[in-house]
Amino acid sequence: MTDCNKRMQTGQIVTEDGKQYFVCGNNYIEISEHFAEKGKTLRDLIEDVILYTADNRATA
């Protein structure tokens, strides 16, 4: 990472060498997957996670 990118704030996405990185503190996480254009929306995915978690808590 360049010195400029090292000063990015947490939660920002930076692009370097054609790759995207999510900044989390001093960590840079490479973004290697993207949502399909015709796939589920983020809202639908979050709803699935909530329902899955609720079902597993009820049976645990």
Protein backbone atom coordinates (compact mmCIF):
# COMPACT_ATOMS: atom_id res chain seq x y z
CA MET A 1 0.00 0.00 0.00
CA THR A 2 1.14 3.52 -0.65
CA ASP A 3 1.59 6.06 2.15
CA CYS A 4 -1.52 7.89 0.92
CA ASN A 5 -3.70 4.77 1.24
CA LYS A 6 -2.27 3.96 4.68
CA ARG A 7 -3.92 7.15 5.96
CA MET A 8 -7.42 6.11 4.81
CA GLN A 9 -10.18 5.99 7.40
CA THR A 10 -11.85 2.80 8.58
CA GLY A 11 -14.73 1.77 6.36
CA GLN A 12 -13.38 3.28 3.16
CA ILE A 13 -12.73 1.31 -0.01
CA VAL A 14 -9.51 2.01 -1.85
CA THR A 15 -8.35 0.84 -5.27
CA GLU A 16 -4.73 0.08 -6.01
CA ASP A 17 -3.16 -1.93 -8.84
CA GLY A 18 -6.64 -2.74 -10.17
CA LYS A 19 -7.75 -4.34 -6.88
CA GLN A 20 -10.22 -3.03 -4.31
CA TYR A 21 -9.50 -3.08 -0.57
CA PHE A 22 -11.80 -2.44 2.41
CA VAL A 23 -9.99 -0.52 5.15
CA CYS A 24 -10.60 -1.76 8.71
CA GLY A 25 -8.24 0.02 11.10
CA ASN A 26 -4.72 -0.84 9.97
CA ASN A 27 -5.99 -3.85 8.02
CA TYR A 28 -6.64 -3.85 4.29
CA ILE A 29 -8.99 -6.63 3.19
CA GLU A 30 -8.95 -7.40 -0.53
CA ILE A 31 -12.43 -7.45 -2.04
CA SER A 32 -12.48 -10.43 -4.35
CA GLU A 33 -16.19 -11.19 -4.69
CA HIS A 34 -19.07 -9.07 -5.82
CA PHE A 35 -22.84 -9.45 -5.81
CA ALA A 36 -24.36 -10.87 -8.98
CA GLU A 37 -26.36 -8.34 -10.96
CA LYS A 38 -29.49 -10.50 -10.83
CA GLY A 39 -28.82 -12.00 -7.40
CA LYS A 40 -30.42 -11.25 -4.04
CA THR A 41 -30.34 -7.71 -2.71
CA LEU A 42 -28.35 -6.83 0.39
CA ARG A 43 -31.65 -6.44 2.25
CA ASP A 44 -32.66 -10.00 1.29
CA LEU A 45 -29.28 -11.39 2.39
CA ILE A 46 -29.48 -9.65 5.77
CA GLU A 47 -33.01 -10.94 6.25
CA ASP A 48 -31.80 -14.49 5.48
CA VAL A 49 -29.02 -14.15 8.07
CA ILE A 50 -31.44 -12.91 10.73
CA LEU A 51 -33.92 -15.71 10.07
CA TYR A 52 -31.18 -18.36 10.01
CA THR A 53 -29.73 -17.08 13.31
CA ALA A 54 -33.16 -16.98 14.95
CA ASP A 55 -33.92 -20.55 13.85
CA ASN A 56 -30.60 -21.86 15.16
CA ARG A 57 -30.96 -20.10 18.51
CA ALA A 58 -34.41 -21.61 19.00
CA THR A 59 -33.07 -25.15 18.49
CA ALA A 60 -29.81 -24.72 20.42
